[in-house]
PDB file of all heavy atoms in Angstrom:
ATOM      1  N   CYS A   1       7.846  -7.671  14.476  1.00  0.00           N
ATOM      2  CA  CYS A   1       8.498  -6.528  15.060  1.00  0.00           C
ATOM      3  C   CYS A   1       8.156  -6.522  16.526  1.00  0.00           C
ATOM      4  O   CYS A   1       6.971  -6.394  16.891  1.00  0.00           O
ATOM      5  CB  CYS A   1       7.998  -5.254  14.356  1.00  0.00           C
ATOM      6  SG  CYS A   1       8.636  -3.729  15.043  1.00  0.00           S
ATOM      7  N   ALA A   2       9.165  -6.660  17.380  1.00  0.00           N
ATOM      8  CA  ALA A   2       8.957  -6.757  18.774  1.00  0.00           C
ATOM      9  C   ALA A   2       9.812  -5.740  19.547  1.00  0.00           C
ATOM     10  O   ALA A   2      10.822  -5.221  19.027  1.00  0.00           O
ATOM     11  CB  ALA A   2       9.331  -8.162  19.283  1.00  0.00           C
ATOM     12  N   ALA A   3       9.335  -5.437  20.739  1.00  0.00           N
ATOM     13  CA  ALA A   3      10.024  -4.504  21.641  1.00  0.00           C
ATOM     14  C   ALA A   3       9.916  -4.967  23.049  1.00  0.00           C
ATOM     15  O   ALA A   3       8.977  -5.718  23.421  1.00  0.00           O
ATOM     16  CB  ALA A   3       9.522  -3.121  21.463  1.00  0.00           C
ATOM     17  N   SER A   4      10.841  -4.579  23.914  1.00  0.00           N
ATOM     18  CA  SER A   4      10.778  -4.808  25.334  1.00  0.00           C
ATOM     19  C   SER A   4      10.709  -3.474  26.044  1.00  0.00           C
ATOM     20  O   SER A   4      11.125  -2.432  25.518  1.00  0.00           O
ATOM     21  CB  SER A   4      11.932  -5.631  25.813  1.00  0.00           C
ATOM     22  OG  SER A   4      13.168  -4.951  25.558  1.00  0.00           O
ATOM     23  N   GLU A   5      10.210  -3.475  27.233  1.00  0.00           N
ATOM     24  CA  GLU A   5      10.055  -2.314  28.136  1.00  0.00           C
ATOM     25  C   GLU A   5       8.933  -1.360  27.707  1.00  0.00           C
ATOM     26  O   GLU A   5       8.180  -0.881  28.526  1.00  0.00           O
ATOM     27  CB  GLU A   5      11.402  -1.578  28.286  1.00  0.00           C
ATOM     28  CG  GLU A   5      12.469  -2.416  28.900  1.00  0.00           C
ATOM     29  CD  GLU A   5      13.719  -1.614  29.118  1.00  0.00           C
ATOM     30  OE1 GLU A   5      13.795  -0.428  28.795  1.00  0.00           O
ATOM     31  OE2 GLU A   5      14.705  -2.206  29.739  1.00  0.00           O
ATOM     32  N   PHE A   6       8.862  -1.042  26.400  1.00  0.00           N
ATOM     33  CA  PHE A   6       7.831  -0.191  25.896  1.00  0.00           C
ATOM     34  C   PHE A   6       6.742  -1.017  25.220  1.00  0.00           C
ATOM     35  O   PHE A   6       7.073  -2.100  24.657  1.00  0.00           O
ATOM     36  CB  PHE A   6       8.388   0.835  24.861  1.00  0.00           C
ATOM     37  CG  PHE A   6       9.352   1.792  25.490  1.00  0.00           C
ATOM     38  CD1 PHE A   6      10.711   1.486  25.565  1.00  0.00           C
ATOM     39  CD2 PHE A   6       8.922   2.978  25.999  1.00  0.00           C
ATOM     40  CE1 PHE A   6      11.599   2.372  26.142  1.00  0.00           C
ATOM     41  CE2 PHE A   6       9.811   3.875  26.541  1.00  0.00           C
ATOM     42  CZ  PHE A   6      11.165   3.586  26.641  1.00  0.00           C
ATOM     43  N   THR A   7       5.532  -0.533  25.287  1.00  0.00           N
ATOM     44  CA  THR A   7       4.410  -1.282  24.656  1.00  0.00           C
ATOM     45  C   THR A   7       4.118  -0.727  23.239  1.00  0.00           C
ATOM     46  O   THR A   7       3.875   0.457  23.118  1.00  0.00           O
ATOM     47  CB  THR A   7       3.178  -1.162  25.518  1.00  0.00           C
ATOM     48  OG1 THR A   7       2.864   0.201  25.752  1.00  0.00           O
ATOM     49  CG2 THR A   7       3.347  -1.871  26.879  1.00  0.00           C
ATOM     50  N   LEU A   8       4.182  -1.570  22.251  1.00  0.00           N
ATOM     51  CA  LEU A   8       4.031  -1.138  20.878  1.00  0.00           C
ATOM     52  C   LEU A   8       2.621  -0.604  20.549  1.00  0.00           C
ATOM     53  O   LEU A   8       2.492   0.034  19.521  1.00  0.00           O
ATOM     54  CB  LEU A   8       4.445  -2.275  19.925  1.00  0.00           C
ATOM     55  CG  LEU A   8       5.904  -2.610  19.908  1.00  0.00           C
ATOM     56  CD1 LEU A   8       6.171  -3.694  18.842  1.00  0.00           C
ATOM     57  CD2 LEU A   8       6.755  -1.374  19.629  1.00  0.00           C
ATOM     58  N   ASP A   9       1.675  -0.967  21.340  1.00  0.00           N
ATOM     59  CA  ASP A   9       0.308  -0.434  21.064  1.00  0.00           C
ATOM     60  C   ASP A   9       0.214   1.085  21.326  1.00  0.00           C
ATOM     61  O   ASP A   9      -0.820   1.686  21.002  1.00  0.00           O
ATOM     62  CB  ASP A   9      -0.779  -1.185  21.820  1.00  0.00           C
ATOM     63  CG  ASP A   9      -0.672  -1.081  23.297  1.00  0.00           C
ATOM     64  OD1 ASP A   9       0.221  -0.418  23.825  1.00  0.00           O
ATOM     65  OD2 ASP A   9      -1.495  -1.729  23.980  1.00  0.00           O
ATOM     66  N   GLU A  10       1.263   1.696  21.889  1.00  0.00           N
ATOM     67  CA  GLU A  10       1.311   3.099  22.068  1.00  0.00           C
ATOM     68  C   GLU A  10       2.031   3.812  20.899  1.00  0.00           C
ATOM     69  O   GLU A  10       2.187   5.037  20.946  1.00  0.00           O
ATOM     70  CB  GLU A  10       2.078   3.421  23.368  1.00  0.00           C
ATOM     71  CG  GLU A  10       1.392   2.918  24.595  1.00  0.00           C
ATOM     72  CD  GLU A  10       2.155   3.209  25.862  1.00  0.00           C
ATOM     73  OE1 GLU A  10       3.298   3.735  25.769  1.00  0.00           O
ATOM     74  OE2 GLU A  10       1.646   2.904  26.981  1.00  0.00           O
ATOM     75  N   TYR A  11       2.396   3.087  19.858  1.00  0.00           N
ATOM     76  CA  TYR A  11       3.122   3.624  18.724  1.00  0.00           C
ATOM     77  C   TYR A  11       2.418   3.288  17.387  1.00  0.00           C
ATOM     78  O   TYR A  11       1.871   2.171  17.260  1.00  0.00           O
ATOM     79  CB  TYR A  11       4.553   3.108  18.671  1.00  0.00           C
ATOM     80  CG  TYR A  11       5.416   3.467  19.836  1.00  0.00           C
ATOM     81  CD1 TYR A  11       5.379   2.739  21.003  1.00  0.00           C
ATOM     82  CD2 TYR A  11       6.211   4.618  19.763  1.00  0.00           C
ATOM     83  CE1 TYR A  11       6.178   3.114  22.065  1.00  0.00           C
ATOM     84  CE2 TYR A  11       7.036   4.938  20.796  1.00  0.00           C
ATOM     85  CZ  TYR A  11       6.975   4.198  21.978  1.00  0.00           C
ATOM     86  OH  TYR A  11       7.807   4.590  23.039  1.00  0.00           O
ATOM     87  N   THR A  12       2.513   4.166  16.477  1.00  0.00           N
ATOM     88  CA  THR A  12       2.217   3.816  15.059  1.00  0.00           C
ATOM     89  C   THR A  12       3.399   3.082  14.528  1.00  0.00           C
ATOM     90  O   THR A  12       4.542   3.509  14.678  1.00  0.00           O
ATOM     91  CB  THR A  12       1.956   5.106  14.254  1.00  0.00           C
ATOM     92  OG1 THR A  12       0.726   5.720  14.736  1.00  0.00           O
ATOM     93  CG2 THR A  12       1.821   4.816  12.799  1.00  0.00           C
ATOM     94  N   ILE A  13       3.174   1.966  13.890  1.00  0.00           N
ATOM     95  CA  ILE A  13       4.226   1.108  13.371  1.00  0.00           C
ATOM     96  C   ILE A  13       4.188   1.020  11.840  1.00  0.00           C
ATOM     97  O   ILE A  13       3.121   0.743  11.267  1.00  0.00           O
ATOM     98  CB  ILE A  13       4.138  -0.281  13.950  1.00  0.00           C
ATOM     99  CG1 ILE A  13       4.163  -0.244  15.501  1.00  0.00           C
ATOM    100  CG2 ILE A  13       5.281  -1.182  13.424  1.00  0.00           C
ATOM    101  CD1 ILE A  13       5.430   0.278  16.045  1.00  0.00           C
ATOM    102  N   GLY A  14       5.314   1.267  11.252  1.00  0.00           N
ATOM    103  CA  GLY A  14       5.405   1.134   9.799  1.00  0.00           C
ATOM    104  C   GLY A  14       6.448   0.032   9.398  1.00  0.00           C
ATOM    105  O   GLY A  14       7.377  -0.164  10.134  1.00  0.00           O
ATOM    106  N   TRP A  15       6.190  -0.618   8.307  1.00  0.00           N
ATOM    107  CA  TRP A  15       7.113  -1.487   7.647  1.00  0.00           C
ATOM    108  C   TRP A  15       7.636  -0.806   6.363  1.00  0.00           C
ATOM    109  O   TRP A  15       6.856  -0.367   5.563  1.00  0.00           O
ATOM    110  CB  TRP A  15       6.513  -2.844   7.334  1.00  0.00           C
ATOM    111  CG  TRP A  15       6.264  -3.708   8.482  1.00  0.00           C
ATOM    112  CD1 TRP A  15       5.143  -3.911   9.211  1.00  0.00           C
ATOM    113  CD2 TRP A  15       7.260  -4.604   9.092  1.00  0.00           C
ATOM    114  NE1 TRP A  15       5.326  -4.849  10.183  1.00  0.00           N
ATOM    115  CE2 TRP A  15       6.623  -5.275  10.171  1.00  0.00           C
ATOM    116  CE3 TRP A  15       8.597  -4.864   8.840  1.00  0.00           C
ATOM    117  CZ2 TRP A  15       7.306  -6.183  10.960  1.00  0.00           C
ATOM    118  CZ3 TRP A  15       9.269  -5.765   9.605  1.00  0.00           C
ATOM    119  CH2 TRP A  15       8.598  -6.399  10.715  1.00  0.00           C
ATOM    120  N   PHE A  16       8.927  -0.834   6.232  1.00  0.00           N
ATOM    121  CA  PHE A  16       9.605  -0.280   5.092  1.00  0.00           C
ATOM    122  C   PHE A  16      10.558  -1.346   4.519  1.00  0.00           C
ATOM    123  O   PHE A  16      10.932  -2.263   5.206  1.00  0.00           O
ATOM    124  CB  PHE A  16      10.401   0.994   5.449  1.00  0.00           C
ATOM    125  CG  PHE A  16       9.530   2.087   5.960  1.00  0.00           C
ATOM    126  CD1 PHE A  16       9.104   2.156   7.307  1.00  0.00           C
ATOM    127  CD2 PHE A  16       9.057   3.144   5.118  1.00  0.00           C
ATOM    128  CE1 PHE A  16       8.282   3.150   7.767  1.00  0.00           C
ATOM    129  CE2 PHE A  16       8.260   4.101   5.566  1.00  0.00           C
ATOM    130  CZ  PHE A  16       7.892   4.169   6.910  1.00  0.00           C
ATOM    131  N   ARG A  17      10.940  -1.110   3.290  1.00  0.00           N
ATOM    132  CA  ARG A  17      11.912  -2.051   2.685  1.00  0.00           C
ATOM    133  C   ARG A  17      12.882  -1.279   1.772  1.00  0.00           C
ATOM    134  O   ARG A  17      12.546  -0.242   1.225  1.00  0.00           O
ATOM    135  CB  ARG A  17      11.214  -3.175   1.920  1.00  0.00           C
ATOM    136  CG  ARG A  17      10.424  -2.751   0.665  1.00  0.00           C
ATOM    137  CD  ARG A  17       9.682  -3.899   0.124  1.00  0.00           C
ATOM    138  NE  ARG A  17       8.963  -3.529  -1.134  1.00  0.00           N
ATOM    139  CZ  ARG A  17       8.126  -4.324  -1.753  1.00  0.00           C
ATOM    140  NH1 ARG A  17       7.886  -5.559  -1.319  1.00  0.00           N
ATOM    141  NH2 ARG A  17       7.547  -3.896  -2.898  1.00  0.00           N
ATOM    142  N   GLN A  18      14.050  -1.862   1.602  1.00  0.00           N
ATOM    143  CA  GLN A  18      15.081  -1.274   0.744  1.00  0.00           C
ATOM    144  C   GLN A  18      15.832  -2.352   0.018  1.00  0.00           C
ATOM    145  O   GLN A  18      16.433  -3.236   0.645  1.00  0.00           O
ATOM    146  CB  GLN A  18      16.019  -0.395   1.544  1.00  0.00           C
ATOM    147  CG  GLN A  18      16.971   0.392   0.689  1.00  0.00           C
ATOM    148  CD  GLN A  18      17.684   1.477   1.471  1.00  0.00           C
ATOM    149  OE1 GLN A  18      17.762   1.414   2.711  1.00  0.00           O
ATOM    150  NE2 GLN A  18      18.151   2.482   0.798  1.00  0.00           N
ATOM    151  N   ALA A  19      15.725  -2.301  -1.283  1.00  0.00           N
ATOM    152  CA  ALA A  19      16.500  -3.252  -2.128  1.00  0.00           C
ATOM    153  C   ALA A  19      17.860  -2.628  -2.500  1.00  0.00           C
ATOM    154  O   ALA A  19      17.992  -1.424  -2.513  1.00  0.00           O
ATOM    155  CB  ALA A  19      15.720  -3.595  -3.381  1.00  0.00           C
ATOM    156  N   PRO A  20      18.832  -3.466  -2.833  1.00  0.00           N
ATOM    157  CA  PRO A  20      20.142  -2.920  -3.212  1.00  0.00           C
ATOM    158  C   PRO A  20      20.046  -1.932  -4.324  1.00  0.00           C
ATOM    159  O   PRO A  20      19.393  -2.141  -5.368  1.00  0.00           O
ATOM    160  CB  PRO A  20      20.941  -4.173  -3.624  1.00  0.00           C
ATOM    161  CG  PRO A  20      20.287  -5.265  -2.891  1.00  0.00           C
ATOM    162  CD  PRO A  20      18.829  -4.917  -2.838  1.00  0.00           C
ATOM    163  N   GLY A  21      20.667  -0.752  -4.177  1.00  0.00           N
ATOM    164  CA  GLY A  21      20.691   0.288  -5.172  1.00  0.00           C
ATOM    165  C   GLY A  21      19.373   1.047  -5.329  1.00  0.00           C
ATOM    166  O   GLY A  21      19.313   1.884  -6.207  1.00  0.00           O
ATOM    167  N   LYS A  22      18.410   0.829  -4.440  1.00  0.00           N
ATOM    168  CA  LYS A  22      17.148   1.504  -4.545  1.00  0.00           C
ATOM    169  C   LYS A  22      16.842   2.254  -3.228  1.00  0.00           C
ATOM    170  O   LYS A  22      17.446   1.988  -2.189  1.00  0.00           O
ATOM    171  CB  LYS A  22      16.047   0.517  -4.824  1.00  0.00           C
ATOM    172  CG  LYS A  22      16.174  -0.195  -6.165  1.00  0.00           C
ATOM    173  CD  LYS A  22      14.976  -1.083  -6.428  1.00  0.00           C
ATOM    174  CE  LYS A  22      15.116  -1.763  -7.791  1.00  0.00           C
ATOM    175  NZ  LYS A  22      13.932  -2.674  -8.053  1.00  0.00           N
ATOM    176  N   GLU A  23      15.935   3.193  -3.344  1.00  0.00           N
ATOM    177  CA  GLU A  23      15.543   3.981  -2.186  1.00  0.00           C
ATOM    178  C   GLU A  23      14.643   3.198  -1.239  1.00  0.00           C
ATOM    179  O   GLU A  23      13.914   2.264  -1.746  1.00  0.00           O
ATOM    180  CB  GLU A  23      14.886   5.287  -2.605  1.00  0.00           C
ATOM    181  CG  GLU A  23      15.793   6.243  -3.334  1.00  0.00           C
ATOM    182  CD  GLU A  23      15.115   7.559  -3.643  1.00  0.00           C
ATOM    183  OE1 GLU A  23      13.896   7.647  -3.511  1.00  0.00           O
ATOM    184  OE2 GLU A  23      15.871   8.484  -4.049  1.00  0.00           O
ATOM    185  N   ARG A  24      14.606   3.547  -0.018  1.00  0.00           N
ATOM    186  CA  ARG A  24      13.677   2.934   0.941  1.00  0.00           C
ATOM    187  C   ARG A  24      12.249   3.318   0.559  1.00  0.00           C
ATOM    188  O   ARG A  24      11.941   4.439   0.214  1.00  0.00           O
ATOM    189  CB  ARG A  24      13.973   3.436   2.342  1.00  0.00           C
ATOM    190  CG  ARG A  24      13.148   2.789   3.431  1.00  0.00           C
ATOM    191  CD  ARG A  24      13.582   3.325   4.793  1.00  0.00           C
ATOM    192  NE  ARG A  24      14.997   3.046   5.071  1.00  0.00           N
ATOM    193  CZ  ARG A  24      15.690   3.549   6.107  1.00  0.00           C
ATOM    194  NH1 ARG A  24      15.078   4.338   7.004  1.00  0.00           N
ATOM    195  NH2 ARG A  24      16.930   3.244   6.288  1.00  0.00           N
ATOM    196  N   GLU A  25      11.343   2.316   0.677  1.00  0.00           N
ATOM    197  CA  GLU A  25       9.988   2.588   0.357  1.00  0.00           C
ATOM    198  C   GLU A  25       9.097   2.064   1.471  1.00  0.00           C
ATOM    199  O   GLU A  25       9.378   1.059   2.108  1.00  0.00           O
ATOM    200  CB  GLU A  25       9.566   1.955  -0.984  1.00  0.00           C
ATOM    201  CG  GLU A  25       9.691   0.441  -1.010  1.00  0.00           C
ATOM    202  CD  GLU A  25       9.111  -0.164  -2.321  1.00  0.00           C
ATOM    203  OE1 GLU A  25       8.272   0.452  -2.952  1.00  0.00           O
ATOM    204  OE2 GLU A  25       9.554  -1.298  -2.620  1.00  0.00           O
ATOM    205  N   GLY A  26       7.947   2.728   1.658  1.00  0.00           N
ATOM    206  CA  GLY A  26       6.963   2.242   2.622  1.00  0.00           C
ATOM    207  C   GLY A  26       6.203   1.070   2.048  1.00  0.00           C
ATOM    208  O   GLY A  26       5.845   1.005   0.912  1.00  0.00           O
ATOM    209  N   VAL A  27       5.965   0.143   2.912  1.00  0.00           N
ATOM    210  CA  VAL A  27       5.260  -1.089   2.602  1.00  0.00           C
ATOM    211  C   VAL A  27       3.855  -1.123   3.233  1.00  0.00           C
ATOM    212  O   VAL A  27       2.851  -1.379   2.563  1.00  0.00           O
ATOM    213  CB  VAL A  27       6.051  -2.352   3.095  1.00  0.00           C
ATOM    214  CG1 VAL A  27       5.246  -3.652   2.752  1.00  0.00           C
ATOM    215  CG2 VAL A  27       7.413  -2.400   2.379  1.00  0.00           C
ATOM    216  N   SER A  28       3.821  -0.875   4.527  1.00  0.00           N
ATOM    217  CA  SER A  28       2.557  -0.927   5.240  1.00  0.00           C
ATOM    218  C   SER A  28       2.692  -0.179   6.545  1.00  0.00           C
ATOM    219  O   SER A  28       3.804  -0.009   7.046  1.00  0.00           O
ATOM    220  CB  SER A  28       2.122  -2.370   5.509  1.00  0.00           C
ATOM    221  OG  SER A  28       0.870  -2.433   6.140  1.00  0.00           O
ATOM    222  N   CYS A  29       1.595   0.218   7.172  1.00  0.00           N
ATOM    223  CA  CYS A  29       1.637   0.738   8.517  1.00  0.00           C
ATOM    224  C   CYS A  29       0.324   0.544   9.185  1.00  0.00           C
ATOM    225  O   CYS A  29      -0.746   0.318   8.573  1.00  0.00           O
ATOM    226  CB  CYS A  29       1.978   2.252   8.452  1.00  0.00           C
ATOM    227  SG  CYS A  29       0.646   3.304   7.838  1.00  0.00           S
ATOM    228  N   ILE A  30       0.351   0.522  10.504  1.00  0.00           N
ATOM    229  CA  ILE A  30      -0.791   0.495  11.375  1.00  0.00           C
ATOM    230  C   ILE A  30      -0.697   1.585  12.429  1.00  0.00           C
ATOM    231  O   ILE A  30       0.335   1.702  13.106  1.00  0.00           O
ATOM    232  CB  ILE A  30      -0.985  -0.908  11.995  1.00  0.00           C
ATOM    233  CG1 ILE A  30      -2.208  -0.975  12.824  1.00  0.00           C
ATOM    234  CG2 ILE A  30       0.230  -1.296  12.805  1.00  0.00           C
ATOM    235  CD1 ILE A  30      -2.660  -2.425  13.179  1.00  0.00           C
ATOM    236  N   SER A  31      -1.716   2.331  12.580  1.00  0.00           N
ATOM    237  CA  SER A  31      -1.654   3.569  13.463  1.00  0.00           C
ATOM    238  C   SER A  31      -1.748   3.111  14.936  1.00  0.00           C
ATOM    239  O   SER A  31      -2.236   2.017  15.239  1.00  0.00           O
ATOM    240  CB  SER A  31      -2.765   4.531  13.134  1.00  0.00           C
ATOM    241  OG  SER A  31      -4.065   3.992  13.414  1.00  0.00           O
ATOM    242  N   ARG A  32      -1.297   4.000  15.804  1.00  0.00           N
ATOM    243  CA  ARG A  32      -1.523   3.794  17.212  1.00  0.00           C
ATOM    244  C   ARG A  32      -3.007   3.697  17.497  1.00  0.00           C
ATOM    245  O   ARG A  32      -3.800   4.541  16.982  1.00  0.00           O
ATOM    246  CB  ARG A  32      -0.933   4.991  17.993  1.00  0.00           C
ATOM    247  CG  ARG A  32      -0.856   4.801  19.470  1.00  0.00           C
ATOM    248  CD  ARG A  32      -0.520   6.134  20.161  1.00  0.00           C
ATOM    249  NE  ARG A  32      -1.613   7.045  20.190  1.00  0.00           N
ATOM    250  CZ  ARG A  32      -1.497   8.371  20.151  1.00  0.00           C
ATOM    251  NH1 ARG A  32      -0.260   8.937  20.070  1.00  0.00           N
ATOM    252  NH2 ARG A  32      -2.576   9.161  20.123  1.00  0.00           N
ATOM    253  N   GLY A  33      -3.375   2.633  18.132  1.00  0.00           N
ATOM    254  CA  GLY A  33      -4.812   2.370  18.383  1.00  0.00           C
ATOM    255  C   GLY A  33      -5.446   1.555  17.259  1.00  0.00           C
ATOM    256  O   GLY A  33      -6.575   1.098  17.404  1.00  0.00           O
ATOM    257  N   GLY A  34      -4.760   1.370  16.165  1.00  0.00           N
ATOM    258  CA  GLY A  34      -5.232   0.550  15.065  1.00  0.00           C
ATOM    259  C   GLY A  34      -6.316   1.128  14.198  1.00  0.00           C
ATOM    260  O   GLY A  34      -6.961   0.447  13.374  1.00  0.00           O
ATOM    261  N   GLY A  35      -6.615   2.463  14.346  1.00  0.00           N
ATOM    262  CA  GLY A  35      -7.632   3.058  13.583  1.00  0.00           C
ATOM    263  C   GLY A  35      -7.389   3.300  12.121  1.00  0.00           C
ATOM    264  O   GLY A  35      -8.309   3.537  11.346  1.00  0.00           O
ATOM    265  N   SER A  36      -6.121   3.187  11.701  1.00  0.00           N
ATOM    266  CA  SER A  36      -5.753   3.415  10.316  1.00  0.00           C
ATOM    267  C   SER A  36      -4.720   2.374   9.908  1.00  0.00           C
ATOM    268  O   SER A  36      -3.736   2.151  10.606  1.00  0.00           O
ATOM    269  CB  SER A  36      -5.198   4.806  10.127  1.00  0.00           C
ATOM    270  OG  SER A  36      -4.798   5.052   8.819  1.00  0.00           O
ATOM    271  N   ILE A  37      -4.925   1.713   8.810  1.00  0.00           N
ATOM    272  CA  ILE A  37      -4.030   0.761   8.190  1.00  0.00           C
ATOM    273  C   ILE A  37      -3.917   1.090   6.742  1.00  0.00           C
ATOM    274  O   ILE A  37      -4.896   1.373   6.058  1.00  0.00           O
ATOM    275  CB  ILE A  37      -4.520  -0.691   8.409  1.00  0.00           C
ATOM    276  CG1 ILE A  37      -4.532  -1.055   9.876  1.00  0.00           C
ATOM    277  CG2 ILE A  37      -3.661  -1.637   7.558  1.00  0.00           C
ATOM    278  CD1 ILE A  37      -5.108  -2.435  10.182  1.00  0.00           C
ATOM    279  N   ASN A  38      -2.709   1.067   6.209  1.00  0.00           N
ATOM    280  CA  ASN A  38      -2.521   1.223   4.753  1.00  0.00           C
ATOM    281  C   ASN A  38      -1.421   0.390   4.218  1.00  0.00           C
ATOM    282  O   ASN A  38      -0.578  -0.116   4.990  1.00  0.00           O
ATOM    283  CB  ASN A  38      -2.427   2.687   4.336  1.00  0.00           C
ATOM    284  CG  ASN A  38      -1.244   3.411   4.977  1.00  0.00           C
ATOM    285  OD1 ASN A  38      -0.155   2.827   5.132  1.00  0.00           O
ATOM    286  ND2 ASN A  38      -1.433   4.649   5.298  1.00  0.00           N
TER     287      ASN A  38
END
């Protein structure tokens, strides 16, 4: 997951996924500053 102009270390980043016919679900995330991962 990449970005330009903005620095991603200033954001909490989540990964989500969605399979056909199913609802979006959370997979993983890392907090701004890296203090929390789940």
